[in-house]
C-alpha cells in the first residue's frame, strides 16, 4: 500500500457519513461473534482503535509501543463492566467523538508524552468506548466482551503497522491525523 492510498483512505473516512456503533438497540449484542464484529460496525470505534495504534507507533519507543493499546483494552473492559452494571455515564457518545478528535490531533502533531500520561489518556478513552459496548450488552456478556476485546486488539495492532509505515513521512502522518480529526468533528455533528 503506497502513501497516497493511505491518505485517500483516511480522507474517505473523514468524508463518509458516520455509521455509529451505538444505535440504542441492545438486541444485536449477544455472544462472541457479535462482540467480534461490533467494534468494526462504527466509524467512531474503528478510527479510535486504529488511531491508538498509529499514535503509539509514531511516538512511543519501540519497547513501549504496546503500552497505550494495552491501557485502552484494560480500561475498555472496565468501562464495559460499568456499562453492563447499568451505571449511568452521561455524554459517552460525545466523549467517544472527542476521543477520535484528540487521537487525530495527537497523530497530526506527533504529540509525545511520558508513557504513564499516554496510558492514562488513552485509558480514559478506552473507558468511554468500553462503556458504550457494555451498555448495549445483553445475553452472553462475557463471550461478547471477549469478542470485542479481540477485535480491539487486532485494530490496535493494525494501527501500529500503519503507524510504522507512516513514520517515514511527517506529511502523510499529519494528513492522516488531520483526516481523523475531521472525522471526529463530523461525529459530533450527528
N, C-alpha and C. Protein backbone atom coordinates (compact mmCIF):
# COMPACT_ATOMS: atom_id res chain seq x y z
N UNK A 1 0.86 -1.17 0.00
CA UNK A 1 0.00 0.00 0.00
C UNK A 1 0.90 1.23 0.00
N UNK A 2 0.67 2.14 -0.94
CA UNK A 2 1.51 3.33 -1.01
C UNK A 2 0.94 4.46 -0.15
N UNK A 3 1.71 5.51 0.02
CA UNK A 3 1.30 6.62 0.88
C UNK A 3 0.04 7.29 0.38
N UNK A 4 -0.12 7.43 -0.91
CA UNK A 4 -1.32 8.07 -1.46
C UNK A 4 -2.58 7.28 -1.11
N UNK A 5 -2.47 5.95 -1.14
CA UNK A 5 -3.63 5.12 -0.80
C UNK A 5 -4.05 5.32 0.65
N UNK A 6 -3.08 5.45 1.53
CA UNK A 6 -3.39 5.65 2.95
C UNK A 6 -4.05 7.01 3.14
N UNK A 7 -3.51 8.03 2.51
CA UNK A 7 -4.10 9.37 2.63
C UNK A 7 -5.52 9.36 2.08
N UNK A 8 -5.73 8.72 0.94
CA UNK A 8 -7.08 8.64 0.37
C UNK A 8 -8.03 7.88 1.28
N UNK A 9 -7.55 6.81 1.89
CA UNK A 9 -8.41 6.03 2.79
C UNK A 9 -8.84 6.88 3.98
N UNK A 10 -7.91 7.62 4.57
CA UNK A 10 -8.28 8.47 5.70
C UNK A 10 -9.17 9.63 5.26
N UNK A 11 -8.93 10.18 4.09
CA UNK A 11 -9.79 11.26 3.59
C UNK A 11 -11.21 10.73 3.34
N UNK A 12 -11.31 9.54 2.77
CA UNK A 12 -12.63 8.94 2.54
C UNK A 12 -13.35 8.70 3.86
N UNK A 13 -12.60 8.26 4.85
CA UNK A 13 -13.21 8.03 6.17
C UNK A 13 -13.71 9.35 6.76
N UNK A 14 -12.96 10.40 6.54
CA UNK A 14 -13.37 11.70 7.09
C UNK A 14 -14.60 12.25 6.39
N UNK A 15 -14.76 11.95 5.12
CA UNK A 15 -15.88 12.48 4.37
C UNK A 15 -17.11 11.58 4.37
N UNK A 16 -16.92 10.35 4.81
CA UNK A 16 -18.03 9.39 4.81
C UNK A 16 -19.07 9.76 5.84
N UNK A 17 -20.29 9.37 5.57
CA UNK A 17 -21.34 9.53 6.57
C UNK A 17 -21.05 8.55 7.69
N UNK A 18 -20.91 9.02 8.91
CA UNK A 18 -20.54 8.13 10.00
C UNK A 18 -21.61 7.08 10.27
N UNK A 19 -21.15 5.89 10.53
CA UNK A 19 -22.03 4.79 10.93
C UNK A 19 -21.69 4.47 12.37
N UNK A 20 -22.37 5.11 13.30
CA UNK A 20 -22.05 4.92 14.70
C UNK A 20 -22.37 3.51 15.14
N UNK A 21 -21.56 3.00 16.04
CA UNK A 21 -21.75 1.65 16.54
C UNK A 21 -22.88 1.55 17.54
N UNK A 22 -23.47 2.66 17.93
CA UNK A 22 -24.46 2.66 19.00
C UNK A 22 -25.80 3.14 18.48
N UNK A 23 -26.64 2.20 18.20
CA UNK A 23 -27.95 2.53 17.66
C UNK A 23 -28.99 2.69 18.74
N UNK A 24 -28.65 2.32 19.97
CA UNK A 24 -29.63 2.34 21.04
C UNK A 24 -30.41 1.05 21.11
N UNK A 25 -30.18 0.15 20.17
CA UNK A 25 -30.87 -1.13 20.12
C UNK A 25 -29.92 -2.19 20.66
N UNK A 26 -30.16 -2.64 21.87
CA UNK A 26 -29.27 -3.60 22.53
C UNK A 26 -29.42 -5.02 21.99
N UNK A 27 -30.43 -5.28 21.19
CA UNK A 27 -30.72 -6.65 20.78
C UNK A 27 -29.62 -7.27 19.93
N UNK A 28 -28.73 -6.47 19.38
CA UNK A 28 -27.70 -7.02 18.50
C UNK A 28 -26.45 -7.49 19.24
N UNK A 29 -26.44 -7.44 20.53
CA UNK A 29 -25.21 -7.69 21.27
C UNK A 29 -25.28 -8.98 22.08
N UNK A 30 -25.29 -10.10 21.40
CA UNK A 30 -25.34 -11.40 22.05
C UNK A 30 -24.11 -12.21 21.63
N UNK A 31 -23.33 -12.64 22.58
CA UNK A 31 -22.29 -13.62 22.34
C UNK A 31 -21.05 -13.16 21.62
N UNK A 32 -20.16 -14.13 21.43
CA UNK A 32 -18.82 -13.89 20.92
C UNK A 32 -18.79 -13.28 19.52
N UNK A 33 -19.53 -13.84 18.59
CA UNK A 33 -19.47 -13.35 17.20
C UNK A 33 -19.94 -11.90 17.09
N UNK A 34 -21.00 -11.55 17.83
CA UNK A 34 -21.44 -10.17 17.80
C UNK A 34 -20.41 -9.24 18.44
N UNK A 35 -19.78 -9.72 19.50
CA UNK A 35 -18.71 -8.94 20.11
C UNK A 35 -17.53 -8.76 19.17
N UNK A 36 -17.24 -9.80 18.42
CA UNK A 36 -16.13 -9.76 17.48
C UNK A 36 -16.37 -8.73 16.37
N UNK A 37 -17.60 -8.62 15.92
CA UNK A 37 -17.90 -7.70 14.81
C UNK A 37 -18.28 -6.29 15.26
N UNK A 38 -18.76 -6.15 16.49
CA UNK A 38 -19.28 -4.85 16.93
C UNK A 38 -18.29 -3.68 16.78
N UNK A 39 -17.03 -3.81 17.15
CA UNK A 39 -16.13 -2.65 17.04
C UNK A 39 -15.90 -2.15 15.61
N UNK A 40 -16.15 -2.98 14.62
CA UNK A 40 -15.91 -2.54 13.24
C UNK A 40 -17.19 -2.06 12.55
N UNK A 41 -18.28 -1.98 13.30
CA UNK A 41 -19.53 -1.52 12.70
C UNK A 41 -19.73 -0.02 12.85
N UNK A 42 -18.81 0.66 13.49
CA UNK A 42 -18.95 2.10 13.65
C UNK A 42 -17.64 2.82 13.39
N UNK A 43 -17.71 3.88 12.63
CA UNK A 43 -16.53 4.66 12.30
C UNK A 43 -15.84 5.18 13.55
N UNK A 44 -16.63 5.54 14.57
CA UNK A 44 -16.05 6.09 15.80
C UNK A 44 -15.07 5.11 16.44
N UNK A 45 -15.46 3.86 16.55
CA UNK A 45 -14.59 2.88 17.18
C UNK A 45 -13.40 2.51 16.29
N UNK A 46 -13.66 2.31 15.03
CA UNK A 46 -12.57 1.92 14.12
C UNK A 46 -11.47 2.99 14.12
N UNK A 47 -11.86 4.24 13.98
CA UNK A 47 -10.85 5.31 13.94
C UNK A 47 -10.09 5.41 15.26
N UNK A 48 -10.81 5.35 16.38
CA UNK A 48 -10.13 5.47 17.67
C UNK A 48 -9.15 4.32 17.88
N UNK A 49 -9.58 3.11 17.58
CA UNK A 49 -8.73 1.95 17.85
C UNK A 49 -7.53 1.90 16.91
N UNK A 50 -7.75 2.18 15.63
CA UNK A 50 -6.61 2.27 14.72
C UNK A 50 -5.71 3.43 15.14
N UNK A 51 -6.33 4.54 15.51
CA UNK A 51 -5.57 5.73 15.88
C UNK A 51 -4.67 5.52 17.08
N UNK A 52 -5.14 4.77 18.07
CA UNK A 52 -4.30 4.48 19.24
C UNK A 52 -3.04 3.75 18.79
N UNK A 53 -3.19 2.78 17.91
CA UNK A 53 -2.03 2.05 17.40
C UNK A 53 -1.11 2.92 16.58
N UNK A 54 -1.69 3.73 15.70
CA UNK A 54 -0.88 4.62 14.86
C UNK A 54 -0.08 5.58 15.74
N UNK A 55 -0.76 6.24 16.67
CA UNK A 55 -0.07 7.21 17.53
C UNK A 55 1.04 6.53 18.33
N UNK A 56 0.75 5.35 18.88
CA UNK A 56 1.77 4.63 19.64
C UNK A 56 2.99 4.34 18.79
N UNK A 57 2.77 3.92 17.56
CA UNK A 57 3.89 3.61 16.68
C UNK A 57 4.69 4.86 16.32
N UNK A 58 4.01 5.99 16.23
CA UNK A 58 4.68 7.22 15.83
C UNK A 58 5.51 7.84 16.95
N UNK A 59 5.06 7.73 18.20
CA UNK A 59 5.74 8.50 19.26
C UNK A 59 6.33 7.67 20.39
N UNK A 60 5.93 6.43 20.54
CA UNK A 60 6.43 5.63 21.66
C UNK A 60 7.73 4.93 21.28
N UNK A 61 8.62 4.76 22.26
CA UNK A 61 9.80 3.94 21.99
C UNK A 61 9.36 2.53 21.61
N UNK A 62 10.12 1.88 20.77
CA UNK A 62 9.75 0.56 20.26
C UNK A 62 9.42 -0.43 21.38
N UNK A 63 10.14 -0.37 22.48
CA UNK A 63 9.89 -1.33 23.56
C UNK A 63 8.69 -0.95 24.43
N UNK A 64 8.02 0.18 24.10
CA UNK A 64 6.83 0.60 24.86
C UNK A 64 5.62 0.85 23.97
N UNK A 65 5.71 0.44 22.72
CA UNK A 65 4.65 0.72 21.75
C UNK A 65 3.31 0.09 22.13
N UNK A 66 3.32 -0.97 22.89
CA UNK A 66 2.07 -1.65 23.25
C UNK A 66 1.41 -1.09 24.52
N UNK A 67 2.07 -0.19 25.22
CA UNK A 67 1.53 0.29 26.50
C UNK A 67 0.20 1.01 26.32
N UNK A 68 0.11 1.97 25.42
CA UNK A 68 -1.16 2.69 25.23
C UNK A 68 -2.27 1.75 24.73
N UNK A 69 -2.01 0.89 23.74
CA UNK A 69 -3.07 -0.05 23.34
C UNK A 69 -3.51 -0.97 24.48
N UNK A 70 -2.57 -1.45 25.29
CA UNK A 70 -2.96 -2.31 26.41
C UNK A 70 -3.75 -1.53 27.45
N UNK A 71 -3.39 -0.27 27.67
CA UNK A 71 -4.15 0.58 28.60
C UNK A 71 -5.57 0.78 28.08
N UNK A 72 -5.70 0.97 26.77
CA UNK A 72 -7.02 1.14 26.17
C UNK A 72 -7.87 -0.11 26.41
N UNK A 73 -7.29 -1.28 26.12
CA UNK A 73 -8.04 -2.53 26.26
C UNK A 73 -8.45 -2.76 27.71
N UNK A 74 -7.52 -2.57 28.64
CA UNK A 74 -7.83 -2.78 30.06
C UNK A 74 -8.93 -1.82 30.52
N UNK A 75 -8.79 -0.55 30.15
CA UNK A 75 -9.79 0.45 30.55
C UNK A 75 -11.12 0.19 29.84
N UNK A 76 -11.06 -0.29 28.60
CA UNK A 76 -12.27 -0.60 27.86
C UNK A 76 -13.06 -1.70 28.58
N UNK A 77 -12.36 -2.69 29.08
CA UNK A 77 -13.03 -3.76 29.82
C UNK A 77 -13.64 -3.23 31.11
N UNK A 78 -12.94 -2.34 31.79
CA UNK A 78 -13.50 -1.72 33.00
C UNK A 78 -14.74 -0.91 32.64
N UNK A 79 -14.67 -0.14 31.55
CA UNK A 79 -15.82 0.65 31.10
C UNK A 79 -16.98 -0.24 30.71
N UNK A 80 -16.69 -1.38 30.07
CA UNK A 80 -17.75 -2.32 29.69
C UNK A 80 -18.44 -2.86 30.95
N UNK A 81 -17.64 -3.12 31.98
CA UNK A 81 -18.22 -3.57 33.24
C UNK A 81 -19.16 -2.54 33.83
N UNK A 82 -18.79 -1.26 33.72
CA UNK A 82 -19.68 -0.18 34.19
C UNK A 82 -20.97 -0.17 33.37
N UNK A 83 -20.82 -0.32 32.06
CA UNK A 83 -21.99 -0.31 31.19
C UNK A 83 -22.92 -1.47 31.45
N UNK A 84 -22.36 -2.66 31.63
CA UNK A 84 -23.16 -3.84 31.90
C UNK A 84 -23.89 -3.70 33.23
N UNK A 85 -23.24 -3.06 34.19
CA UNK A 85 -23.83 -2.94 35.54
C UNK A 85 -24.97 -1.93 35.58
N UNK A 86 -25.13 -1.17 34.51
CA UNK A 86 -26.22 -0.20 34.46
C UNK A 86 -25.90 1.15 35.05
N UNK A 87 -24.66 1.37 35.44
CA UNK A 87 -24.25 2.68 35.97
C UNK A 87 -24.37 3.70 34.85
N UNK A 88 -24.95 4.84 35.16
CA UNK A 88 -25.14 5.90 34.17
C UNK A 88 -23.82 6.62 33.88
N UNK A 89 -23.56 6.88 32.61
CA UNK A 89 -22.36 7.60 32.17
C UNK A 89 -22.83 8.57 31.09
N UNK A 90 -23.36 9.73 31.50
CA UNK A 90 -23.92 10.66 30.52
C UNK A 90 -22.84 11.23 29.60
N UNK A 91 -23.24 11.48 28.38
CA UNK A 91 -22.34 12.11 27.41
C UNK A 91 -21.28 11.20 26.83
N UNK A 92 -21.47 9.89 26.95
CA UNK A 92 -20.44 8.98 26.47
C UNK A 92 -20.23 9.09 24.96
N UNK A 93 -21.28 9.30 24.19
CA UNK A 93 -21.12 9.41 22.73
C UNK A 93 -20.32 10.65 22.35
N UNK A 94 -20.55 11.74 23.04
CA UNK A 94 -19.75 12.95 22.81
C UNK A 94 -18.31 12.67 23.20
N UNK A 95 -18.12 11.98 24.32
CA UNK A 95 -16.77 11.62 24.75
C UNK A 95 -16.05 10.76 23.74
N UNK A 96 -16.78 9.84 23.12
CA UNK A 96 -16.17 8.98 22.09
C UNK A 96 -15.76 9.82 20.88
N UNK A 97 -16.62 10.72 20.44
CA UNK A 97 -16.28 11.59 19.31
C UNK A 97 -15.06 12.46 19.67
N UNK A 98 -15.05 12.98 20.89
CA UNK A 98 -13.91 13.80 21.31
C UNK A 98 -12.63 12.98 21.38
N UNK A 99 -12.75 11.68 21.71
CA UNK A 99 -11.56 10.83 21.73
C UNK A 99 -10.99 10.67 20.33
N UNK A 100 -11.86 10.56 19.33
CA UNK A 100 -11.38 10.46 17.94
C UNK A 100 -10.68 11.76 17.54
N UNK A 101 -11.26 12.89 17.92
CA UNK A 101 -10.63 14.19 17.62
C UNK A 101 -9.27 14.28 18.30
N UNK A 102 -9.22 13.94 19.58
CA UNK A 102 -7.96 14.04 20.33
C UNK A 102 -6.89 13.12 19.75
N UNK A 103 -7.27 11.89 19.44
CA UNK A 103 -6.29 10.95 18.87
C UNK A 103 -5.81 11.46 17.52
N UNK A 104 -6.73 12.01 16.72
CA UNK A 104 -6.33 12.59 15.43
C UNK A 104 -5.33 13.71 15.61
N UNK A 105 -5.56 14.56 16.60
CA UNK A 105 -4.62 15.66 16.87
C UNK A 105 -3.27 15.14 17.38
N UNK A 106 -3.31 14.11 18.22
CA UNK A 106 -2.07 13.52 18.70
C UNK A 106 -1.23 12.99 17.53
N UNK A 107 -1.91 12.39 16.56
CA UNK A 107 -1.21 11.87 15.37
C UNK A 107 -0.73 13.03 14.50
N UNK A 108 -1.61 14.00 14.24
CA UNK A 108 -1.27 15.12 13.36
C UNK A 108 0.02 15.81 13.81
N UNK A 109 0.09 16.06 15.10
CA UNK A 109 1.23 16.82 15.63
C UNK A 109 2.28 15.93 16.28
N UNK A 110 2.10 14.63 16.17
CA UNK A 110 3.03 13.66 16.77
C UNK A 110 3.37 14.05 18.21
N UNK A 111 2.33 14.25 18.97
CA UNK A 111 2.50 14.68 20.36
C UNK A 111 3.09 13.53 21.16
N UNK A 112 4.22 13.78 21.77
CA UNK A 112 4.88 12.78 22.59
C UNK A 112 4.73 13.18 24.06
N UNK A 113 4.26 12.26 24.85
CA UNK A 113 4.07 12.50 26.29
C UNK A 113 4.72 11.34 27.04
N UNK A 114 4.97 11.54 28.33
CA UNK A 114 5.51 10.41 29.11
C UNK A 114 4.58 9.20 29.03
N UNK A 115 5.15 8.03 29.12
CA UNK A 115 4.41 6.78 28.94
C UNK A 115 3.22 6.69 29.91
N UNK A 116 3.42 7.08 31.16
CA UNK A 116 2.33 7.00 32.14
C UNK A 116 1.17 7.91 31.74
N UNK A 117 1.47 9.10 31.25
CA UNK A 117 0.42 10.02 30.82
C UNK A 117 -0.28 9.47 29.58
N UNK A 118 0.47 8.89 28.67
CA UNK A 118 -0.12 8.27 27.47
C UNK A 118 -1.09 7.17 27.88
N UNK A 119 -0.68 6.33 28.82
CA UNK A 119 -1.55 5.23 29.27
C UNK A 119 -2.80 5.78 29.94
N UNK A 120 -2.66 6.82 30.73
CA UNK A 120 -3.83 7.40 31.42
C UNK A 120 -4.79 8.04 30.42
N UNK A 121 -4.26 8.80 29.49
CA UNK A 121 -5.09 9.48 28.49
C UNK A 121 -5.82 8.46 27.61
N UNK A 122 -5.08 7.53 27.07
CA UNK A 122 -5.68 6.52 26.20
C UNK A 122 -6.62 5.63 27.01
N UNK A 123 -6.28 5.38 28.26
CA UNK A 123 -7.16 4.61 29.13
C UNK A 123 -8.50 5.30 29.33
N UNK A 124 -8.47 6.62 29.50
CA UNK A 124 -9.73 7.37 29.65
C UNK A 124 -10.60 7.20 28.41
N UNK A 125 -9.98 7.21 27.24
CA UNK A 125 -10.74 6.99 26.01
C UNK A 125 -11.30 5.57 25.99
N UNK A 126 -10.50 4.62 26.45
CA UNK A 126 -10.94 3.23 26.47
C UNK A 126 -12.15 3.01 27.36
N UNK A 127 -12.21 3.71 28.50
CA UNK A 127 -13.37 3.58 29.39
C UNK A 127 -14.64 3.96 28.64
N UNK A 128 -14.59 5.08 27.90
CA UNK A 128 -15.79 5.53 27.18
C UNK A 128 -16.22 4.53 26.12
N UNK A 129 -15.26 4.05 25.35
CA UNK A 129 -15.59 3.09 24.30
C UNK A 129 -16.13 1.80 24.90
N UNK A 130 -15.51 1.34 25.99
CA UNK A 130 -15.97 0.13 26.65
C UNK A 130 -17.36 0.29 27.24
N UNK A 131 -17.61 1.46 27.83
CA UNK A 131 -18.93 1.70 28.41
C UNK A 131 -20.01 1.58 27.34
N UNK A 132 -19.74 2.17 26.18
CA UNK A 132 -20.72 2.11 25.09
C UNK A 132 -20.99 0.67 24.68
N UNK A 133 -19.94 -0.15 24.61
CA UNK A 133 -20.14 -1.56 24.29
C UNK A 133 -20.94 -2.26 25.38
N UNK A 134 -20.53 -2.07 26.61
CA UNK A 134 -21.15 -2.76 27.73
C UNK A 134 -22.59 -2.37 27.97
N UNK A 135 -22.90 -1.09 27.76
CA UNK A 135 -24.27 -0.61 28.00
C UNK A 135 -25.25 -1.27 27.05
N UNK A 136 -24.78 -1.72 25.91
CA UNK A 136 -25.66 -2.37 24.93
C UNK A 136 -25.69 -3.88 25.07
N UNK A 137 -24.84 -4.42 25.92
CA UNK A 137 -24.71 -5.88 26.01
C UNK A 137 -25.89 -6.51 26.74
N UNK A 138 -26.31 -7.61 26.22
CA UNK A 138 -27.31 -8.45 26.91
C UNK A 138 -27.13 -9.86 26.41
N UNK A 139 -27.18 -10.80 27.30
CA UNK A 139 -27.02 -12.20 26.92
C UNK A 139 -25.62 -12.52 26.45
N UNK A 140 -24.99 -13.51 27.02
CA UNK A 140 -23.64 -13.91 26.60
C UNK A 140 -22.64 -12.79 26.77
N UNK A 141 -22.75 -12.05 27.86
CA UNK A 141 -21.93 -10.85 28.05
C UNK A 141 -20.44 -11.15 28.05
N UNK A 142 -20.02 -12.19 28.75
CA UNK A 142 -18.58 -12.48 28.80
C UNK A 142 -18.05 -12.86 27.43
N UNK A 143 -18.80 -13.64 26.69
CA UNK A 143 -18.38 -14.02 25.33
C UNK A 143 -18.35 -12.79 24.43
N UNK A 144 -19.36 -11.93 24.58
CA UNK A 144 -19.42 -10.69 23.81
C UNK A 144 -18.19 -9.82 24.10
N UNK A 145 -17.86 -9.67 25.38
CA UNK A 145 -16.70 -8.87 25.76
C UNK A 145 -15.40 -9.48 25.23
N UNK A 146 -15.30 -10.80 25.25
CA UNK A 146 -14.12 -11.46 24.70
C UNK A 146 -13.99 -11.15 23.22
N UNK A 147 -15.10 -11.17 22.50
CA UNK A 147 -15.07 -10.87 21.07
C UNK A 147 -14.65 -9.46 20.78
N UNK A 148 -15.24 -8.48 21.47
CA UNK A 148 -14.84 -7.11 21.14
C UNK A 148 -13.44 -6.79 21.65
N UNK A 149 -12.96 -7.51 22.64
CA UNK A 149 -11.58 -7.31 23.09
C UNK A 149 -10.61 -7.79 22.02
N UNK A 150 -10.88 -8.94 21.43
CA UNK A 150 -10.00 -9.45 20.36
C UNK A 150 -9.98 -8.52 19.15
N UNK A 151 -11.13 -8.04 18.76
CA UNK A 151 -11.18 -7.14 17.60
C UNK A 151 -10.47 -5.82 17.91
N UNK A 152 -10.68 -5.32 19.11
CA UNK A 152 -9.99 -4.08 19.51
C UNK A 152 -8.49 -4.26 19.45
N UNK A 153 -7.99 -5.36 20.00
CA UNK A 153 -6.54 -5.62 19.98
C UNK A 153 -6.04 -5.73 18.54
N UNK A 154 -6.81 -6.39 17.68
CA UNK A 154 -6.41 -6.52 16.27
C UNK A 154 -6.37 -5.15 15.59
N UNK A 155 -7.34 -4.29 15.88
CA UNK A 155 -7.33 -2.94 15.30
C UNK A 155 -6.14 -2.14 15.81
N UNK A 156 -5.81 -2.28 17.08
CA UNK A 156 -4.62 -1.60 17.62
C UNK A 156 -3.36 -2.08 16.89
N UNK A 157 -3.23 -3.38 16.72
CA UNK A 157 -2.05 -3.93 16.03
C UNK A 157 -2.00 -3.46 14.58
N UNK A 158 -3.16 -3.41 13.92
CA UNK A 158 -3.19 -2.90 12.54
C UNK A 158 -2.75 -1.44 12.53
N UNK A 159 -3.20 -0.67 13.51
CA UNK A 159 -2.79 0.73 13.61
C UNK A 159 -1.29 0.87 13.82
N UNK A 160 -0.72 -0.01 14.64
CA UNK A 160 0.73 0.03 14.83
C UNK A 160 1.44 -0.24 13.52
N UNK A 161 0.93 -1.21 12.76
CA UNK A 161 1.53 -1.49 11.45
C UNK A 161 1.44 -0.29 10.51
N UNK A 162 0.28 0.36 10.47
CA UNK A 162 0.12 1.56 9.64
C UNK A 162 1.03 2.67 10.16
N UNK A 163 1.09 2.82 11.48
CA UNK A 163 1.94 3.85 12.07
C UNK A 163 3.41 3.66 11.74
N UNK A 164 3.85 2.43 11.74
CA UNK A 164 5.25 2.15 11.37
C UNK A 164 5.51 2.59 9.93
N UNK A 165 4.53 2.36 9.06
CA UNK A 165 4.68 2.77 7.67
C UNK A 165 4.66 4.29 7.56
N UNK A 166 3.75 4.94 8.30
CA UNK A 166 3.62 6.39 8.23
C UNK A 166 4.79 7.11 8.88
N UNK A 167 5.55 6.41 9.71
CA UNK A 167 6.65 7.02 10.43
C UNK A 167 7.64 7.70 9.50
N UNK A 168 7.78 7.18 8.31
CA UNK A 168 8.75 7.73 7.37
C UNK A 168 8.37 9.12 6.86
N UNK A 169 7.11 9.48 6.91
CA UNK A 169 6.69 10.76 6.34
C UNK A 169 5.81 11.54 7.31
N UNK A 170 6.32 12.68 7.77
CA UNK A 170 5.53 13.55 8.63
C UNK A 170 4.30 14.09 7.88
N UNK A 171 4.44 14.33 6.59
CA UNK A 171 3.32 14.86 5.81
C UNK A 171 2.18 13.85 5.78
N UNK A 172 2.51 12.59 5.51
CA UNK A 172 1.46 11.57 5.42
C UNK A 172 0.82 11.35 6.79
N UNK A 173 1.62 11.24 7.84
CA UNK A 173 1.03 11.02 9.16
C UNK A 173 0.23 12.24 9.60
N UNK A 174 0.71 13.43 9.28
CA UNK A 174 -0.04 14.65 9.61
C UNK A 174 -1.37 14.72 8.87
N UNK A 175 -1.36 14.35 7.61
CA UNK A 175 -2.59 14.35 6.82
C UNK A 175 -3.57 13.30 7.34
N UNK A 176 -3.06 12.13 7.66
CA UNK A 176 -3.92 11.06 8.19
C UNK A 176 -4.52 11.50 9.53
N UNK A 177 -3.72 12.11 10.37
CA UNK A 177 -4.22 12.59 11.65
C UNK A 177 -5.27 13.68 11.49
N UNK A 178 -5.02 14.58 10.55
CA UNK A 178 -5.99 15.65 10.29
C UNK A 178 -7.31 15.08 9.77
N UNK A 179 -7.23 14.07 8.90
CA UNK A 179 -8.45 13.43 8.40
C UNK A 179 -9.21 12.76 9.54
N UNK A 180 -8.48 12.13 10.45
CA UNK A 180 -9.12 11.51 11.61
C UNK A 180 -9.79 12.57 12.49
N UNK A 181 -9.11 13.69 12.67
CA UNK A 181 -9.68 14.78 13.47
C UNK A 181 -10.97 15.28 12.83
N UNK A 182 -10.98 15.48 11.53
CA UNK A 182 -12.18 15.93 10.84
C UNK A 182 -13.31 14.90 10.95
N UNK A 183 -12.95 13.64 10.89
CA UNK A 183 -13.97 12.60 11.04
C UNK A 183 -14.57 12.68 12.45
N UNK A 184 -13.74 12.92 13.44
CA UNK A 184 -14.24 13.08 14.79
C UNK A 184 -15.17 14.26 14.93
N UNK A 185 -14.84 15.36 14.26
CA UNK A 185 -15.71 16.54 14.27
C UNK A 185 -17.04 16.18 13.63
N UNK A 186 -17.00 15.42 12.54
CA UNK A 186 -18.25 15.04 11.88
C UNK A 186 -19.11 14.16 12.79
N UNK A 187 -18.47 13.37 13.65
CA UNK A 187 -19.22 12.52 14.60
C UNK A 187 -19.98 13.39 15.61
N UNK A 188 -19.42 14.53 15.95
CA UNK A 188 -20.09 15.45 16.88
C UNK A 188 -21.34 16.06 16.26
N UNK A 189 -21.32 16.16 14.94
CA UNK A 189 -22.45 16.82 14.23
C UNK A 189 -23.69 15.94 14.18
N UNK A 190 -23.56 14.68 14.52
CA UNK A 190 -24.68 13.75 14.42
C UNK A 190 -25.57 13.87 15.62
